Amino acid sequence: MSTAPAATTARRGGIQGRSNLAGWFFVSPAVLLFVVFIAGPFVAAMALSLFSWDLLTEAKFVGLANFRQLAGDTTVWLSLRNTFVFALASVVTHIVLGLALAVAVNRPLHKVVQYITRSAIFFPFLISWAAVSLLWKYVLDRDFGIANHYLGQLGITTPNWLIDPQWALPALIGIDWWHTIGYTFVILLAGLQTVPGMYHEAAKIDGANAWQRFWHITLPVMAPTLVFAMIITFIGAFQIFEPMRIITNGGPNDSTRSIVLYLYQQAFESFQVGYASTIALVVFAIVMVVTLLQLRVSRRWMSHD
């Protein structure tokens, strides 16, 4: 009689063991990708930040010397300032103008018109950053660019978009918006379509106008979507690299040098891999802190109902 419970327990243990093994089998690709592309590089960056290494000779342990160098590196702080300006401008323009586009499209239209409009807005996002950078480098060229040519035909005095330090960074912000607004547009359009129509109908009966319905119904209901869009936009903009590298290479006068471009230059032009790893850790810390702050602040006005 005592052997039956023991056999049952053994069978259950065997089934649970096989179930656990199957679970690990199914999650193993994700775990492997995480270890290889996220956890592994992060640990390697932490280790390299304590060394001086030029990729050619043997690495030399220097302790916290790279961090002390970073604290006194004025180019790092200039690059961080440029990156913060770019990221904040990108978040504002993407959210405000992307939401305006989503509201404009999210209305009763012919299906063909809807398809063409949405495709036209999203299409630039499908183009690689390298192609976009080369395209706009030609469009905004001081001597041969079509933008200056046609604006000049209209009698409009145009600046040297990519040569003037006052205009280079705003020009790159505009290029980034043109290229990536389609992604933000799709996210916000999906958020708009989750707002129940009965809320607006009830508000209309109570006498609320279009702006009041948008401010008190649409925005609170799609708050989680807005927060997600802001976080994704900030992370992408803070790691911007390709247009700065291809179009201006950080110039003129370092006015468009981003922190990731500076990291790249330190690692693969100056061959200071340890110092570049230190900068990478700073970038990670800033992105993490800003993301957590965004989530914390958003809890005060986010509605999940």
Protein backbone atom coordinates (compact mmCIF):
# COMPACT_ATOMS: atom_id res chain seq x y z
CA MET A 1 0.00 0.00 0.00
CA SER A 2 2.84 2.40 0.73
CA THR A 3 4.42 1.94 -2.68
CA ALA A 4 1.48 3.49 -4.61
CA PRO A 5 1.93 7.09 -3.31
CA ALA A 6 5.67 6.79 -3.87
CA ALA A 7 5.13 5.66 -7.47
CA THR A 8 2.63 8.46 -8.07
CA THR A 9 5.07 11.00 -6.65
CA ALA A 10 7.84 9.62 -8.85
CA ARG A 11 5.64 9.83 -11.95
CA ARG A 12 4.66 13.43 -11.14
CA GLY A 13 8.30 14.30 -10.59
CA GLY A 14 9.23 12.79 -13.93
CA ILE A 15 6.44 14.66 -15.73
CA GLN A 16 7.39 17.93 -14.04
CA GLY A 17 11.05 17.38 -14.93
CA ARG A 18 10.19 16.77 -18.58
CA SER A 19 7.92 19.83 -18.54
CA ASN A 20 10.71 21.99 -17.12
CA LEU A 21 13.12 20.62 -19.71
CA ALA A 22 10.66 21.42 -22.51
CA GLY A 23 10.20 24.93 -21.12
CA TRP A 24 13.94 25.56 -21.09
CA PHE A 25 14.15 24.17 -24.62
CA PHE A 26 11.58 26.67 -25.91
CA VAL A 27 13.11 29.70 -24.16
CA SER A 28 16.70 28.73 -24.98
CA PRO A 29 16.85 30.76 -28.28
CA ALA A 30 15.77 33.92 -26.44
CA VAL A 31 18.18 33.22 -23.56
CA LEU A 32 21.01 32.56 -26.02
CA LEU A 33 20.34 35.80 -27.92
CA PHE A 34 20.19 37.73 -24.63
CA VAL A 35 23.51 36.30 -23.43
CA VAL A 36 25.31 36.77 -26.76
CA PHE A 37 24.02 40.20 -27.76
CA ILE A 38 23.09 41.92 -24.47
CA ALA A 39 24.49 40.40 -21.30
CA GLY A 40 27.79 39.33 -22.86
CA PRO A 41 28.65 42.68 -24.47
CA PHE A 42 27.57 44.53 -21.32
CA VAL A 43 29.88 42.47 -19.11
CA ALA A 44 32.67 42.86 -21.69
CA ALA A 45 32.18 46.65 -21.73
CA MET A 46 32.38 46.77 -17.94
CA ALA A 47 35.61 44.79 -18.02
CA LEU A 48 37.17 46.77 -20.89
CA SER A 49 36.39 50.07 -19.15
CA LEU A 50 39.10 49.14 -16.63
CA PHE A 51 41.74 48.60 -19.30
CA SER A 52 43.68 50.58 -21.88
CA TRP A 53 43.60 48.68 -25.17
CA ASP A 54 44.24 49.68 -28.77
CA LEU A 55 43.10 46.40 -30.43
CA LEU A 56 46.68 45.66 -31.49
CA THR A 57 48.77 45.37 -28.34
CA GLU A 58 48.11 43.65 -25.05
CA ALA A 59 45.47 45.29 -22.84
CA LYS A 60 46.81 47.14 -19.81
CA PHE A 61 44.85 47.42 -16.57
CA VAL A 62 44.35 51.08 -15.62
CA GLY A 63 41.57 50.84 -13.02
CA LEU A 64 39.35 53.92 -12.98
CA ALA A 65 41.64 56.02 -15.16
CA ASN A 66 39.18 55.92 -18.06
CA PHE A 67 36.43 57.30 -15.85
CA ARG A 68 38.68 60.11 -14.64
CA GLN A 69 39.56 60.90 -18.26
CA LEU A 70 35.86 60.98 -19.14
CA ALA A 71 35.07 63.42 -16.34
CA GLY A 72 37.58 65.91 -17.77
CA ASP A 73 36.82 65.34 -21.44
CA THR A 74 35.01 68.45 -22.74
CA THR A 75 34.15 66.71 -26.01
CA VAL A 76 32.12 64.13 -24.09
CA TRP A 77 30.01 66.82 -22.45
CA LEU A 78 29.57 68.65 -25.75
CA SER A 79 28.50 65.39 -27.41
CA LEU A 80 26.08 64.69 -24.58
CA ARG A 81 24.58 68.16 -24.93
CA ASN A 82 24.10 67.68 -28.67
CA THR A 83 22.58 64.26 -28.09
CA PHE A 84 20.15 65.50 -25.42
CA VAL A 85 19.05 68.38 -27.66
CA PHE A 86 18.56 65.98 -30.56
CA ALA A 87 16.69 63.41 -28.43
CA LEU A 88 14.38 65.93 -26.74
CA ALA A 89 13.58 67.63 -30.05
CA SER A 90 12.97 64.23 -31.61
CA VAL A 91 10.56 63.20 -28.84
CA VAL A 92 8.58 66.45 -29.05
CA THR A 93 8.32 66.51 -32.85
CA HIS A 94 7.52 62.81 -33.12
CA ILE A 95 4.82 62.82 -30.46
CA VAL A 96 3.16 66.14 -31.36
CA LEU A 97 3.34 65.92 -35.15
CA GLY A 98 2.95 62.14 -35.20
CA LEU A 99 -0.21 62.42 -33.13
CA ALA A 100 -1.50 65.18 -35.41
CA LEU A 101 -0.95 62.93 -38.44
CA ALA A 102 -2.62 59.99 -36.69
CA VAL A 103 -5.67 62.11 -35.77
CA ALA A 104 -5.89 63.42 -39.33
CA VAL A 105 -5.83 59.92 -40.81
CA ASN A 106 -8.04 58.30 -38.16
CA ARG A 107 -11.32 59.42 -39.66
CA PRO A 108 -13.83 58.01 -42.16
CA LEU A 109 -12.02 58.01 -45.50
CA HIS A 110 -12.16 55.88 -48.62
CA LYS A 111 -10.14 52.71 -48.12
CA VAL A 112 -7.87 53.51 -51.06
CA VAL A 113 -7.18 57.00 -49.68
CA GLN A 114 -6.44 55.53 -46.24
CA TYR A 115 -4.06 52.96 -47.69
CA ILE A 116 -2.17 55.48 -49.83
CA THR A 117 -1.93 58.02 -46.99
CA ARG A 118 -0.71 55.56 -44.39
CA SER A 119 1.74 53.96 -46.82
CA ALA A 120 3.16 57.35 -47.84
CA ILE A 121 3.76 58.32 -44.21
CA PHE A 122 5.29 54.98 -43.25
CA PHE A 123 7.34 54.36 -46.41
CA PRO A 124 10.44 56.50 -45.49
CA PHE A 125 10.93 54.35 -42.39
CA LEU A 126 11.58 51.34 -44.64
CA ILE A 127 14.59 53.04 -46.24
CA SER A 128 17.98 52.39 -44.64
CA TRP A 129 19.65 55.21 -42.72
CA ALA A 130 22.61 55.08 -45.09
CA ALA A 131 20.42 55.73 -48.14
CA VAL A 132 18.45 58.45 -46.32
CA SER A 133 21.66 60.17 -45.22
CA LEU A 134 23.13 60.21 -48.72
CA LEU A 135 19.82 61.43 -50.18
CA TRP A 136 19.49 64.36 -47.80
CA LYS A 137 23.18 65.18 -48.01
CA TYR A 138 22.57 65.83 -51.69
CA VAL A 139 19.22 67.60 -51.18
CA LEU A 140 20.69 70.05 -48.64
CA ASP A 141 24.01 70.56 -50.41
CA ARG A 142 25.00 74.24 -50.46
CA ASP A 143 25.94 74.35 -54.15
CA PHE A 144 24.04 71.54 -55.86
CA GLY A 145 21.17 70.76 -53.50
CA ILE A 146 17.65 70.91 -54.89
CA ALA A 147 16.29 72.42 -51.66
CA ASN A 148 18.39 75.59 -51.98
CA HIS A 149 17.75 75.71 -55.73
CA TYR A 150 13.96 75.68 -55.58
CA LEU A 151 13.73 77.86 -52.48
CA GLY A 152 16.00 80.33 -54.23
CA GLN A 153 13.64 80.30 -57.22
CA LEU A 154 10.91 81.45 -54.83
CA GLY A 155 13.10 84.29 -53.59
CA ILE A 156 13.72 82.67 -50.21
CA THR A 157 17.20 83.12 -48.76
CA THR A 158 18.44 79.76 -47.55
CA PRO A 159 21.16 79.01 -45.01
CA ASN A 160 24.05 76.61 -45.49
CA TRP A 161 22.13 73.79 -43.88
CA LEU A 162 24.99 71.38 -43.22
CA ILE A 163 27.83 73.91 -42.93
CA ASP A 164 26.36 76.53 -40.59
CA PRO A 165 26.72 75.37 -36.94
CA GLN A 166 23.39 77.00 -36.10
CA TRP A 167 21.52 75.01 -38.76
CA ALA A 168 23.34 71.68 -38.98
CA LEU A 169 21.76 70.06 -35.91
CA PRO A 170 18.21 71.33 -36.69
CA ALA A 171 18.65 69.98 -40.23
CA LEU A 172 19.55 66.55 -38.86
CA ILE A 173 16.56 66.68 -36.50
CA GLY A 174 14.33 67.36 -39.50
CA ILE A 175 15.90 64.49 -41.46
CA ASP A 176 15.40 62.14 -38.52
CA TRP A 177 11.74 63.18 -38.27
CA TRP A 178 11.16 62.57 -41.99
CA HIS A 179 12.78 59.15 -41.78
CA THR A 180 11.30 57.78 -38.54
CA ILE A 181 7.94 59.52 -38.11
CA GLY A 182 6.22 56.62 -39.87
CA TYR A 183 7.02 54.27 -37.00
CA THR A 184 5.68 56.67 -34.37
CA PHE A 185 2.67 57.39 -36.58
CA VAL A 186 1.73 53.69 -36.74
CA ILE A 187 2.05 53.30 -32.95
CA LEU A 188 -0.08 56.37 -32.22
CA LEU A 189 -2.65 55.45 -34.87
CA ALA A 190 -3.05 52.03 -33.24
CA GLY A 191 -3.48 53.77 -29.88
CA LEU A 192 -6.15 56.08 -31.28
CA GLN A 193 -8.11 53.13 -32.61
CA THR A 194 -8.33 51.62 -29.11
CA VAL A 195 -10.34 54.59 -27.79
CA PRO A 196 -13.96 53.38 -27.44
CA GLY A 197 -16.36 55.36 -29.60
CA MET A 198 -19.05 55.28 -26.90
CA TYR A 199 -16.92 57.59 -24.74
CA HIS A 200 -17.02 60.29 -27.42
CA GLU A 201 -20.73 59.75 -28.03
CA ALA A 202 -21.48 60.18 -24.34
CA ALA A 203 -19.31 63.32 -24.20
CA LYS A 204 -21.13 64.76 -27.23
CA ILE A 205 -24.45 64.27 -25.47
CA ASP A 206 -23.03 66.15 -22.48
CA GLY A 207 -22.07 69.04 -24.77
CA ALA A 208 -18.28 68.52 -24.99
CA ASN A 209 -16.63 69.96 -28.08
CA ALA A 210 -13.97 68.24 -30.18
CA TRP A 211 -11.02 69.70 -28.21
CA GLN A 212 -12.55 68.77 -24.86
CA ARG A 213 -13.18 65.21 -26.05
CA PHE A 214 -9.59 64.95 -27.31
CA TRP A 215 -8.06 66.36 -24.12
CA HIS A 216 -10.24 64.57 -21.56
CA ILE A 217 -10.96 61.28 -23.36
CA THR A 218 -8.52 60.50 -26.16
CA LEU A 219 -5.28 61.46 -24.43
CA PRO A 220 -6.00 59.75 -21.08
CA VAL A 221 -7.16 56.52 -22.72
CA MET A 222 -4.15 56.28 -25.04
CA ALA A 223 -1.67 57.39 -22.35
CA PRO A 224 0.10 53.98 -22.26
CA THR A 225 0.64 54.22 -26.02
CA LEU A 226 2.03 57.75 -25.70
CA VAL A 227 4.42 56.67 -22.96
CA PHE A 228 5.63 53.72 -25.03
CA ALA A 229 6.14 55.98 -28.07
CA MET A 230 8.07 58.53 -25.99
CA ILE A 231 10.36 55.89 -24.50
CA ILE A 232 11.06 54.19 -27.83
CA THR A 233 11.66 57.54 -29.55
CA PHE A 234 14.05 58.75 -26.85
CA ILE A 235 16.07 55.51 -26.84
CA GLY A 236 16.39 55.55 -30.63
CA ALA A 237 17.25 59.25 -30.80
CA PHE A 238 19.82 59.07 -27.99
CA GLN A 239 21.68 56.36 -29.89
CA ILE A 240 21.63 58.24 -33.19
CA PHE A 241 24.73 57.61 -35.26
CA GLU A 242 24.33 57.14 -39.01
CA PRO A 243 23.27 60.65 -40.13
CA MET A 244 25.91 62.30 -37.96
CA ARG A 245 28.58 59.99 -39.36
CA ILE A 246 27.56 60.10 -43.03
CA ILE A 247 26.23 63.63 -43.47
CA THR A 248 28.36 65.83 -41.20
CA ASN A 249 30.82 63.53 -39.39
CA GLY A 250 30.16 65.55 -36.24
CA GLY A 251 30.82 68.94 -37.82
CA PRO A 252 30.82 71.80 -38.27
CA ASN A 253 32.72 72.68 -35.10
CA ASP A 254 31.40 69.58 -33.30
CA SER A 255 27.86 70.97 -33.49
CA THR A 256 26.43 67.61 -34.61
CA ARG A 257 28.74 65.20 -32.82
CA SER A 258 26.55 62.72 -30.94
CA ILE A 259 27.75 60.66 -28.00
CA VAL A 260 27.54 57.40 -30.00
CA LEU A 261 29.51 58.97 -32.87
CA TYR A 262 32.16 60.05 -30.37
CA LEU A 263 32.18 56.52 -28.94
CA TYR A 264 32.73 55.12 -32.45
CA GLN A 265 35.52 57.58 -33.15
CA GLN A 266 37.30 56.71 -29.92
CA ALA A 267 37.03 52.97 -30.57
CA PHE A 268 37.75 52.70 -34.30
CA GLU A 269 39.61 55.89 -35.20
CA SER A 270 41.63 56.61 -32.05
CA PHE A 271 41.74 52.90 -31.05
CA GLN A 272 40.97 53.67 -27.40
CA VAL A 273 38.70 50.67 -26.85
CA GLY A 274 38.77 50.88 -23.06
CA TYR A 275 37.78 54.54 -23.10
CA ALA A 276 35.06 53.84 -25.67
CA SER A 277 33.67 51.12 -23.38
CA THR A 278 33.52 53.67 -20.56
CA ILE A 279 31.49 56.00 -22.78
CA ALA A 280 29.21 53.08 -23.69
CA LEU A 281 28.49 52.47 -20.01
CA VAL A 282 27.59 56.15 -19.57
CA VAL A 283 25.21 55.94 -22.53
CA PHE A 284 23.57 52.85 -21.03
CA ALA A 285 23.21 54.50 -17.62
CA ILE A 286 21.66 57.67 -19.08
CA VAL A 287 19.16 55.74 -21.21
CA MET A 288 18.19 53.56 -18.26
CA VAL A 289 17.76 56.48 -15.86
CA VAL A 290 15.74 58.58 -18.31
CA THR A 291 13.52 55.62 -19.17
CA LEU A 292 12.83 54.91 -15.49
CA LEU A 293 12.06 58.58 -14.90
CA GLN A 294 9.63 58.59 -17.82
CA LEU A 295 7.86 55.54 -16.43
CA ARG A 296 7.72 57.00 -12.92
CA VAL A 297 6.35 60.35 -14.04
CA SER A 298 3.85 58.74 -16.40
CA ARG A 299 2.20 56.80 -13.56
CA ARG A 300 0.66 60.02 -12.28
CA TRP A 301 -1.47 60.58 -15.36
CA MET A 302 -1.60 57.20 -17.09
CA SER A 303 -5.01 55.57 -17.29
CA HIS A 304 -5.32 51.84 -17.90
CA ASP A 305 -9.12 51.75 -18.01
